[in-house]
C-alpha atoms as a PDB file:
ATOM      1  CA  MET A   1      54.376  85.228 130.484  1.00  0.00           C
ATOM      2  CA  THR A   2      52.053  87.837 129.048  1.00  0.00           C
ATOM      3  CA  LEU A   3      52.980  90.705 126.780  1.00  0.00           C
ATOM      4  CA  GLU A   4      51.431  94.095 127.458  1.00  0.00           C
ATOM      5  CA  ASP A   5      50.670  96.571 124.674  1.00  0.00           C
ATOM      6  CA  GLN A   6      53.883  98.443 125.411  1.00  0.00           C
ATOM      7  CA  ASP A   7      55.872  95.197 125.075  1.00  0.00           C
ATOM      8  CA  LEU A   8      54.195  94.411 121.767  1.00  0.00           C
ATOM      9  CA  GLN A   9      54.902  97.915 120.500  1.00  0.00           C
ATOM     10  CA  LEU A  10      58.570  97.588 121.454  1.00  0.00           C
ATOM     11  CA  LEU A  11      58.841  94.187 119.810  1.00  0.00           C
ATOM     12  CA  THR A  12      57.097  95.518 116.703  1.00  0.00           C
ATOM     13  CA  ARG A  13      59.703  98.256 116.401  1.00  0.00           C
ATOM     14  CA  CYS A  14      62.459  95.654 116.796  1.00  0.00           C
ATOM     15  CA  ALA A  15      60.902  93.403 114.136  1.00  0.00           C
ATOM     16  CA  CYS A  16      60.589  96.347 111.755  1.00  0.00           C
ATOM     17  CA  ALA A  17      64.202  97.347 112.330  1.00  0.00           C
ATOM     18  CA  ALA A  18      65.381  93.782 111.696  1.00  0.00           C
ATOM     19  CA  ALA A  19      63.277  93.484 108.535  1.00  0.00           C
ATOM     20  CA  ARG A  20      64.629  96.802 107.239  1.00  0.00           C
ATOM     21  CA  ALA A  21      68.238  95.825 107.992  1.00  0.00           C
ATOM     22  CA  ALA A  22      67.916  92.542 106.133  1.00  0.00           C
ATOM     23  CA  GLY A  23      65.936  94.166 103.322  1.00  0.00           C
ATOM     24  CA  HIS A  24      68.500  96.888 102.721  1.00  0.00           C
ATOM     25  CA  PHE A  25      71.207  94.221 102.545  1.00  0.00           C
ATOM     26  CA  ILE A  26      69.157  92.147 100.088  1.00  0.00           C
ATOM     27  CA  ALA A  27      68.464  95.203  97.907  1.00  0.00           C
ATOM     28  CA  THR A  28      72.136  95.434  96.916  1.00  0.00           C
ATOM     29  CA  ALA A  29      73.115  91.759  97.220  1.00  0.00           C
ATOM     30  CA  ARG A  30      73.581  89.303  94.384  1.00  0.00           C
ATOM     31  CA  PRO A  31      72.800  85.602  94.679  1.00  0.00           C
ATOM     32  CA  SER A  32      75.579  83.045  94.497  1.00  0.00           C
ATOM     33  CA  ASN A  33      76.103  79.522  95.761  1.00  0.00           C
ATOM     34  CA  ILE A  34      72.562  78.570  94.754  1.00  0.00           C
ATOM     35  CA  GLN A  35      71.627  75.258  96.384  1.00  0.00           C
ATOM     36  CA  HIS A  36      68.623  72.942  96.531  1.00  0.00           C
ATOM     37  CA  LYS A  37      67.279  71.551  99.794  1.00  0.00           C
ATOM     38  CA  ALA A  38      66.831  67.799  99.960  1.00  0.00           C
ATOM     39  CA  GLY A  39      63.308  66.409 100.068  1.00  0.00           C
ATOM     40  CA  LEU A  40      61.554  69.505  98.707  1.00  0.00           C
ATOM     41  CA  THR A  41      60.329  70.552  95.292  1.00  0.00           C
ATOM     42  CA  GLY A  42      59.561  73.853  93.589  1.00  0.00           C
ATOM     43  CA  ALA A  43      60.450  77.259  94.982  1.00  0.00           C
ATOM     44  CA  SER A  44      60.813  76.035  98.571  1.00  0.00           C
ATOM     45  CA  GLN A  45      63.874  73.963  97.701  1.00  0.00           C
ATOM     46  CA  VAL A  46      66.025  76.888  96.491  1.00  0.00           C
ATOM     47  CA  VAL A  47      68.393  78.695  98.875  1.00  0.00           C
ATOM     48  CA  THR A  48      71.273  81.117  98.288  1.00  0.00           C
ATOM     49  CA  ASN A  49      74.054  82.757 100.251  1.00  0.00           C
ATOM     50  CA  VAL A  50      71.849  85.847 100.522  1.00  0.00           C
ATOM     51  CA  ASP A  51      69.092  83.937 102.362  1.00  0.00           C
ATOM     52  CA  ARG A  52      71.590  82.825 104.988  1.00  0.00           C
ATOM     53  CA  GLU A  53      73.352  86.173 105.361  1.00  0.00           C
ATOM     54  CA  ALA A  54      70.009  87.974 105.702  1.00  0.00           C
ATOM     55  CA  GLU A  55      69.003  85.492 108.396  1.00  0.00           C
ATOM     56  CA  GLU A  56      72.180  86.219 110.371  1.00  0.00           C
ATOM     57  CA  ARG A  57      71.479  89.960 110.273  1.00  0.00           C
ATOM     58  CA  ILE A  58      67.933  89.434 111.509  1.00  0.00           C
ATOM     59  CA  LEU A  59      69.002  87.182 114.367  1.00  0.00           C
ATOM     60  CA  GLN A  60      71.649  89.678 115.434  1.00  0.00           C
ATOM     61  CA  GLU A  61      69.036  92.448 115.544  1.00  0.00           C
ATOM     62  CA  LEU A  62      66.572  90.317 117.493  1.00  0.00           C
ATOM     63  CA  ALA A  63      69.067  88.729 119.913  1.00  0.00           C
ATOM     64  CA  PRO A  64      68.418  91.240 122.768  1.00  0.00           C
ATOM     65  CA  THR A  65      64.671  90.616 122.596  1.00  0.00           C
ATOM     66  CA  ILE A  66      65.146  86.859 122.631  1.00  0.00           C
ATOM     67  CA  GLU A  67      67.054  87.098 125.900  1.00  0.00           C
ATOM     68  CA  ARG A  68      64.925  89.799 127.523  1.00  0.00           C
ATOM     69  CA  PHE A  69      61.547  88.188 126.780  1.00  0.00           C
ATOM     70  CA  ASP A  70      62.674  84.536 126.733  1.00  0.00           C
ATOM     71  CA  LEU A  71      61.513  83.978 123.161  1.00  0.00           C
ATOM     72  CA  GLY A  72      61.839  80.917 120.964  1.00  0.00           C
ATOM     73  CA  VAL A  73      63.009  81.101 117.358  1.00  0.00           C
ATOM     74  CA  LEU A  74      61.863  79.390 114.174  1.00  0.00           C
ATOM     75  CA  SER A  75      63.753  80.506 111.083  1.00  0.00           C
ATOM     76  CA  GLU A  76      63.662  79.021 107.609  1.00  0.00           C
ATOM     77  CA  GLU A  77      67.362  78.397 107.100  1.00  0.00           C
ATOM     78  CA  ARG A  78      67.886  76.731 110.495  1.00  0.00           C
ATOM     79  CA  ALA A  79      66.660  73.423 111.828  1.00  0.00           C
ATOM     80  CA  ASP A  80      63.524  73.622 113.974  1.00  0.00           C
ATOM     81  CA  ASP A  81      64.911  73.415 117.514  1.00  0.00           C
ATOM     82  CA  ARG A  82      61.345  73.086 118.874  1.00  0.00           C
ATOM     83  CA  SER A  83      61.805  76.124 121.100  1.00  0.00           C
ATOM     84  CA  ARG A  84      58.555  77.334 119.539  1.00  0.00           C
ATOM     85  CA  LEU A  85      56.828  74.582 121.530  1.00  0.00           C
ATOM     86  CA  ASP A  86      58.596  75.356 124.813  1.00  0.00           C
ATOM     87  CA  LYS A  87      58.259  79.133 124.954  1.00  0.00           C
ATOM     88  CA  GLU A  88      55.191  81.344 125.350  1.00  0.00           C
ATOM     89  CA  PHE A  89      56.153  83.277 122.202  1.00  0.00           C
ATOM     90  CA  PHE A  90      58.578  82.744 119.330  1.00  0.00           C
ATOM     91  CA  TRP A  91      60.022  84.729 116.454  1.00  0.00           C
ATOM     92  CA  CYS A  92      59.005  83.215 113.107  1.00  0.00           C
ATOM     93  CA  ILE A  93      61.440  84.339 110.408  1.00  0.00           C
ATOM     94  CA  ASP A  94      61.679  84.093 106.648  1.00  0.00           C
ATOM     95  CA  PRO A  95      64.846  86.017 105.770  1.00  0.00           C
ATOM     96  CA  LEU A  96      64.127  85.984 102.030  1.00  0.00           C
ATOM     97  CA  ASP A  97      60.742  84.799 100.864  1.00  0.00           C
ATOM     98  CA  GLY A  98      60.497  84.553  97.084  1.00  0.00           C
ATOM     99  CA  THR A  99      64.010  83.317  96.401  1.00  0.00           C
ATOM    100  CA  LEU A 100      63.119  82.426  92.797  1.00  0.00           C
ATOM    101  CA  PRO A 101      62.039  85.961  91.805  1.00  0.00           C
ATOM    102  CA  PHE A 102      65.111  87.266  93.653  1.00  0.00           C
ATOM    103  CA  ILE A 103      67.382  85.031  91.569  1.00  0.00           C
ATOM    104  CA  GLU A 104      65.505  86.037  88.420  1.00  0.00           C
ATOM    105  CA  GLY A 105      65.871  89.724  89.265  1.00  0.00           C
ATOM    106  CA  VAL A 106      62.141  90.479  89.280  1.00  0.00           C
ATOM    107  CA  PRO A 107      59.925  91.894  92.083  1.00  0.00           C
ATOM    108  CA  GLY A 108      58.115  89.523  94.416  1.00  0.00           C
ATOM    109  CA  TYR A 109      60.543  88.827  97.255  1.00  0.00           C
ATOM    110  CA  ALA A 110      60.554  90.150 100.806  1.00  0.00           C
ATOM    111  CA  VAL A 111      61.752  89.769 104.382  1.00  0.00           C
ATOM    112  CA  SER A 112      59.120  88.447 106.770  1.00  0.00           C
ATOM    113  CA  ILE A 113      59.225  88.420 110.585  1.00  0.00           C
ATOM    114  CA  ALA A 114      56.398  87.499 112.951  1.00  0.00           C
ATOM    115  CA  LEU A 115      55.972  87.015 116.671  1.00  0.00           C
ATOM    116  CA  VAL A 116      53.692  84.039 117.314  1.00  0.00           C
ATOM    117  CA  SER A 117      52.207  82.813 120.585  1.00  0.00           C
ATOM    118  CA  HIS A 118      52.507  79.221 121.801  1.00  0.00           C
ATOM    119  CA  SER A 119      48.855  78.744 120.812  1.00  0.00           C
ATOM    120  CA  GLY A 120      49.670  79.749 117.214  1.00  0.00           C
ATOM    121  CA  ARG A 121      48.208  83.252 117.230  1.00  0.00           C
ATOM    122  CA  PRO A 122      50.225  85.868 115.299  1.00  0.00           C
ATOM    123  CA  GLU A 123      50.965  88.776 117.634  1.00  0.00           C
ATOM    124  CA  ILE A 124      53.190  90.877 115.370  1.00  0.00           C
ATOM    125  CA  GLY A 125      53.986  90.980 111.681  1.00  0.00           C
ATOM    126  CA  ALA A 126      56.712  92.896 109.866  1.00  0.00           C
ATOM    127  CA  VAL A 127      57.437  92.589 106.133  1.00  0.00           C
ATOM    128  CA  PHE A 128      59.911  94.630 104.111  1.00  0.00           C
ATOM    129  CA  ASP A 129      59.791  94.711 100.310  1.00  0.00           C
ATOM    130  CA  PRO A 130      63.352  95.558  99.171  1.00  0.00           C
ATOM    131  CA  VAL A 131      62.309  96.382  95.598  1.00  0.00           C
ATOM    132  CA  HIS A 132      59.795  99.094  96.472  1.00  0.00           C
ATOM    133  CA  GLN A 133      61.269  99.904  99.905  1.00  0.00           C
ATOM    134  CA  THR A 134      57.866  99.289 101.501  1.00  0.00           C
ATOM    135  CA  LEU A 135      57.451  98.294 105.139  1.00  0.00           C
ATOM    136  CA  TYR A 136      54.244  96.573 106.233  1.00  0.00           C
ATOM    137  CA  SER A 137      53.648  96.044 109.950  1.00  0.00           C
ATOM    138  CA  ALA A 138      50.872  95.033 112.312  1.00  0.00           C
ATOM    139  CA  THR A 139      50.419  94.461 116.032  1.00  0.00           C
ATOM    140  CA  ARG A 140      47.637  92.483 117.664  1.00  0.00           C
ATOM    141  CA  GLY A 141      44.782  94.818 118.539  1.00  0.00           C
ATOM    142  CA  LEU A 142      46.646  97.895 117.356  1.00  0.00           C
ATOM    143  CA  GLY A 143      46.048  97.769 113.622  1.00  0.00           C
ATOM    144  CA  MET A 144      48.163  97.575 110.499  1.00  0.00           C
ATOM    145  CA  ARG A 145      50.554 100.127 109.045  1.00  0.00           C
ATOM    146  CA  ARG A 146      52.207 100.692 105.686  1.00  0.00           C
ATOM    147  CA  ASN A 147      55.430 102.697 105.805  1.00  0.00           C
ATOM    148  CA  GLY A 148      54.482 103.836 109.281  1.00  0.00           C
ATOM    149  CA  ARG A 149      51.026 105.114 108.380  1.00  0.00           C
ATOM    150  CA  PRO A 150      47.745 103.399 109.230  1.00  0.00           C
ATOM    151  CA  TRP A 151      46.767 101.113 106.382  1.00  0.00           C
ATOM    152  CA  GLN A 152      43.650 102.217 104.552  1.00  0.00           C
ATOM    153  CA  ARG A 153      41.433  99.839 102.620  1.00  0.00           C
ATOM    154  CA  VAL A 154      40.851 101.032  99.058  1.00  0.00           C
ATOM    155  CA  ALA A 155      37.143 101.139  98.181  1.00  0.00           C
ATOM    156  CA  ASN A 156      36.109  98.626  95.521  1.00  0.00           C
ATOM    157  CA  ALA A 157      34.449 100.023  92.393  1.00  0.00           C
ATOM    158  CA  ARG A 158      32.132  97.999  90.178  1.00  0.00           C
ATOM    159  CA  GLY A 159      33.714  97.023  86.899  1.00  0.00           C
ATOM    160  CA  GLU A 160      37.153  96.331  88.395  1.00  0.00           C
ATOM    161  CA  THR A 161      38.855  92.953  88.114  1.00  0.00           C
ATOM    162  CA  LEU A 162      39.294  90.330  90.801  1.00  0.00           C
ATOM    163  CA  SER A 163      43.037  90.073  91.453  1.00  0.00           C
ATOM    164  CA  VAL A 164      44.095  86.485  92.110  1.00  0.00           C
ATOM    165  CA  PHE A 165      47.592  85.910  93.476  1.00  0.00           C
ATOM    166  CA  CYS A 166      48.999  82.399  93.434  1.00  0.00           C
ATOM    167  CA  ASP A 167      52.192  80.376  93.396  1.00  0.00           C
ATOM    168  CA  ARG A 168      53.454  79.019  90.100  1.00  0.00           C
ATOM    169  CA  SER A 169      52.536  75.514  91.216  1.00  0.00           C
ATOM    170  CA  LEU A 170      48.828  76.348  90.836  1.00  0.00           C
ATOM    171  CA  LEU A 171      49.277  76.885  87.102  1.00  0.00           C
ATOM    172  CA  ALA A 172      50.740  73.380  86.779  1.00  0.00           C
ATOM    173  CA  ARG A 173      47.767  71.629  88.411  1.00  0.00           C
ATOM    174  CA  PRO A 174      45.814  69.359  86.049  1.00  0.00           C
ATOM    175  CA  ASP A 175      42.580  71.024  87.202  1.00  0.00           C
ATOM    176  CA  TYR A 176      43.858  74.582  86.744  1.00  0.00           C
ATOM    177  CA  ALA A 177      41.443  75.279  83.878  1.00  0.00           C
ATOM    178  CA  ASP A 178      38.518  74.365  86.132  1.00  0.00           C
ATOM    179  CA  ILE A 179      39.867  76.515  88.974  1.00  0.00           C
ATOM    180  CA  LEU A 180      40.312  79.467  86.617  1.00  0.00           C
ATOM    181  CA  ALA A 181      36.777  79.037  85.305  1.00  0.00           C
ATOM    182  CA  GLY A 182      35.531  79.064  88.899  1.00  0.00           C
ATOM    183  CA  LEU A 183      37.446  82.252  89.630  1.00  0.00           C
ATOM    184  CA  GLN A 184      35.967  83.931  86.568  1.00  0.00           C
ATOM    185  CA  GLU A 185      32.487  82.952  87.770  1.00  0.00           C
ATOM    186  CA  ILE A 186      33.215  84.398  91.210  1.00  0.00           C
ATOM    187  CA  ALA A 187      34.374  87.654  89.605  1.00  0.00           C
ATOM    188  CA  ARG A 188      31.219  87.927  87.513  1.00  0.00           C
ATOM    189  CA  ASP A 189      29.003  87.176  90.506  1.00  0.00           C
ATOM    190  CA  MET A 190      30.744  90.009  92.345  1.00  0.00           C
ATOM    191  CA  GLY A 191      29.925  92.411  89.510  1.00  0.00           C
ATOM    192  CA  LEU A 192      33.513  92.505  88.250  1.00  0.00           C
ATOM    193  CA  ARG A 193      34.757  92.272  84.684  1.00  0.00           C
ATOM    194  CA  SER A 194      37.022  89.262  85.123  1.00  0.00           C
ATOM    195  CA  ALA A 195      39.612  87.546  87.297  1.00  0.00           C
ATOM    196  CA  GLU A 196      43.276  88.328  86.605  1.00  0.00           C
ATOM    197  CA  VAL A 197      45.890  85.834  87.819  1.00  0.00           C
ATOM    198  CA  TYR A 198      49.369  86.858  89.017  1.00  0.00           C
ATOM    199  CA  SER A 199      51.929  84.155  89.775  1.00  0.00           C
ATOM    200  CA  ASP A 200      55.368  85.786  89.860  1.00  0.00           C
ATOM    201  CA  ALA A 201      55.806  86.499  93.584  1.00  0.00           C
ATOM    202  CA  GLY A 202      56.522  84.503  96.710  1.00  0.00           C
ATOM    203  CA  ALA A 203      53.905  83.778  99.356  1.00  0.00           C
ATOM    204  CA  VAL A 204      54.597  86.882 101.450  1.00  0.00           C
ATOM    205  CA  MET A 205      54.348  89.423  98.649  1.00  0.00           C
ATOM    206  CA  ASN A 206      51.366  87.564  97.189  1.00  0.00           C
ATOM    207  CA  ALA A 207      49.503  88.209 100.439  1.00  0.00           C
ATOM    208  CA  CYS A 208      50.642  91.834 100.706  1.00  0.00           C
ATOM    209  CA  GLN A 209      49.655  92.519  97.101  1.00  0.00           C
ATOM    210  CA  ALA A 210      46.229  91.014  97.764  1.00  0.00           C
ATOM    211  CA  LEU A 211      45.684  93.544 100.553  1.00  0.00           C
ATOM    212  CA  ASP A 212      46.881  96.367  98.320  1.00  0.00           C
ATOM    213  CA  ASN A 213      44.679  95.381  95.362  1.00  0.00           C
ATOM    214  CA  ALA A 214      41.215  94.590  96.720  1.00  0.00           C
ATOM    215  CA  PRO A 215      39.087  92.823  95.709  1.00  0.00           C
ATOM    216  CA  ALA A 216      41.720  90.111  95.754  1.00  0.00           C
ATOM    217  CA  CYS A 217      42.679  86.700  97.075  1.00  0.00           C
ATOM    218  CA  TYR A 218      45.687  84.439  97.498  1.00  0.00           C
ATOM    219  CA  PHE A 219      45.354  80.740  98.161  1.00  0.00           C
ATOM    220  CA  LYS A 220      47.122  77.385  98.296  1.00  0.00           C
ATOM    221  CA  PHE A 221      45.112  74.177  98.287  1.00  0.00           C
ATOM    222  CA  PRO A 222      46.048  71.212 100.534  1.00  0.00           C
ATOM    223  CA  LYS A 223      48.234  68.535  99.016  1.00  0.00           C
ATOM    224  CA  PRO A 224      49.400  65.077 100.150  1.00  0.00           C
ATOM    225  CA  GLY A 225      53.173  65.668 100.072  1.00  0.00           C
ATOM    226  CA  ILE A 226      55.175  67.889 102.412  1.00  0.00           C
ATOM    227  CA  GLY A 227      55.298  71.552 101.507  1.00  0.00           C
ATOM    228  CA  GLY A 228      52.404  73.892 100.896  1.00  0.00           C
ATOM    229  CA  GLY A 229      54.403  76.676 102.476  1.00  0.00           C
ATOM    230  CA  SER A 230      55.588  76.826 106.076  1.00  0.00           C
ATOM    231  CA  LEU A 231      54.764  78.829 109.169  1.00  0.00           C
ATOM    232  CA  TRP A 232      57.261  81.537 108.245  1.00  0.00           C
ATOM    233  CA  ASP A 233      55.518  82.067 104.894  1.00  0.00           C
ATOM    234  CA  PHE A 234      52.199  83.033 106.504  1.00  0.00           C
ATOM    235  CA  ALA A 235      52.646  84.125 110.139  1.00  0.00           C
ATOM    236  CA  ALA A 236      53.316  87.829 109.494  1.00  0.00           C
ATOM    237  CA  THR A 237      50.724  88.245 106.757  1.00  0.00           C
ATOM    238  CA  ALA A 238      48.066  86.407 108.787  1.00  0.00           C
ATOM    239  CA  CYS A 239      48.521  89.162 111.371  1.00  0.00           C
ATOM    240  CA  PHE A 240      48.134  91.781 108.623  1.00  0.00           C
ATOM    241  CA  PHE A 241      44.882  90.342 107.335  1.00  0.00           C
ATOM    242  CA  ARG A 242      43.374  90.088 110.810  1.00  0.00           C
ATOM    243  CA  GLU A 243      44.278  93.653 111.715  1.00  0.00           C
ATOM    244  CA  ALA A 244      43.064  94.904 108.327  1.00  0.00           C
ATOM    245  CA  GLY A 245      39.667  93.275 108.826  1.00  0.00           C
ATOM    246  CA  ALA A 246      40.282  90.770 106.018  1.00  0.00           C
ATOM    247  CA  ILE A 247      40.333  86.949 106.038  1.00  0.00           C
ATOM    248  CA  ALA A 248      43.240  84.544 106.573  1.00  0.00           C
ATOM    249  CA  SER A 249      42.095  80.964 107.093  1.00  0.00           C
ATOM    250  CA  ASP A 250      42.719  77.370 106.127  1.00  0.00           C
ATOM    251  CA  ILE A 251      40.677  75.630 103.445  1.00  0.00           C
ATOM    252  CA  HIS A 252      37.969  74.803 105.997  1.00  0.00           C
ATOM    253  CA  GLY A 253      37.589  78.365 107.256  1.00  0.00           C
ATOM    254  CA  ALA A 254      39.472  77.808 110.520  1.00  0.00           C
ATOM    255  CA  PRO A 255      42.268  80.136 111.704  1.00  0.00           C
ATOM    256  CA  LEU A 256      45.685  79.150 110.385  1.00  0.00           C
ATOM    257  CA  ALA A 257      47.442  76.678 112.702  1.00  0.00           C
ATOM    258  CA  LEU A 258      50.742  78.503 113.133  1.00  0.00           C
ATOM    259  CA  ASN A 259      52.396  76.282 115.734  1.00  0.00           C
ATOM    260  CA  ARG A 260      51.580  72.661 115.007  1.00  0.00           C
ATOM    261  CA  VAL A 261      53.523  70.043 116.932  1.00  0.00           C
ATOM    262  CA  GLU A 262      53.593  67.697 113.952  1.00  0.00           C
ATOM    263  CA  SER A 263      55.186  69.943 111.330  1.00  0.00           C
ATOM    264  CA  THR A 264      55.955  73.478 110.205  1.00  0.00           C
ATOM    265  CA  TYR A 265      54.426  72.747 106.794  1.00  0.00           C
ATOM    266  CA  MET A 266      50.918  73.841 105.819  1.00  0.00           C
ATOM    267  CA  ASN A 267      50.123  71.207 103.172  1.00  0.00           C
ATOM    268  CA  HIS A 268      47.627  69.500 105.497  1.00  0.00           C
ATOM    269  CA  SER A 269      45.170  72.402 105.545  1.00  0.00           C
ATOM    270  CA  GLY A 270      45.937  74.846 102.754  1.00  0.00           C
ATOM    271  CA  VAL A 271      45.751  78.612 103.025  1.00  0.00           C
ATOM    272  CA  VAL A 272      43.095  81.099 101.906  1.00  0.00           C
ATOM    273  CA  TYR A 273      43.609  84.867 102.050  1.00  0.00           C
ATOM    274  CA  ALA A 274      40.811  87.133 100.846  1.00  0.00           C
ATOM    275  CA  THR A 275      39.844  90.762 101.202  1.00  0.00           C
ATOM    276  CA  SER A 276      36.277  89.847 102.181  1.00  0.00           C
ATOM    277  CA  ALA A 277      34.483  87.006 103.930  1.00  0.00           C
ATOM    278  CA  GLU A 278      32.271  86.408 100.883  1.00  0.00           C
ATOM    279  CA  LEU A 279      35.276  86.040  98.608  1.00  0.00           C
ATOM    280  CA  ALA A 280      37.046  83.715 101.052  1.00  0.00           C
ATOM    281  CA  GLU A 281      34.014  81.431 101.196  1.00  0.00           C
ATOM    282  CA  ARG A 282      33.763  81.266  97.408  1.00  0.00           C
ATOM    283  CA  VAL A 283      37.479  80.489  97.013  1.00  0.00           C
ATOM    284  CA  ARG A 284      37.273  77.714  99.611  1.00  0.00           C
ATOM    285  CA  GLY A 285      34.398  76.276  97.556  1.00  0.00           C
ATOM    286  CA  LEU A 286      36.744  75.768  94.598  1.00  0.00           C
ATOM    287  CA  TYR A 287      38.693  73.080  96.448  1.00  0.00           C
ATOM    288  CA  LEU A 288      37.704  69.534  95.548  1.00  0.00           C
ATOM    289  CA  PRO A 289      39.558  66.939  97.708  1.00  0.00           C
END
């Protein structure tokens, strides 16, 4: 099955509607029944009643498209039924990315929905930020939009800072001081005053904030254990970066593998988002296996 531009535009509208519906629910919801998933550590292990209720609302909104276009589904709070490997396209859903900031009552959480091809290429991305009521969307070959308007890159001025977005786990690494020193060197080489690190948001809003605050980057280095984020953390924003002319790659500079047979986790390859190719290359150079 192939999807024409008109199909992609229809599915983009459906993804945006689903993201808005879940986001409006989340905006007034309060977390309860906070649980921890077995076998995981850090932010990825936390789940609340709101995550699950938001997921149900999204799946209800997307149900007609799943039947009409014969789509698979991968969603964070449900077991991987492997339909993503059987279908030509699948919905990739994170009903509430950034559960920790949501529980803490601070910005940094969002709804994320992507349509991904069997080959792992992101076709559509839709992200809704419930705190600022901001909708980001993108469609393959048709560009990126912010609140319905074409997204415009903000020109970089000399003397600005390099904005570095990261997960809290980066700050706990034993080599964090060396990484930070490397980031400061990159900033100086780019003619910037310094690098400023922000670590309060989830993966989805980290990526969106990087696009909104160029020059900027967001990255996660590979690690031996499971984790490192999952497909649903990166599928929508990878589409954004491509359509915005920015960089979303793994630690080796290859496109993100968004439909691996082996696992939904990304710990094997890491993730590098950057607002320029030069910056992406420098960030990848900070990784020492």
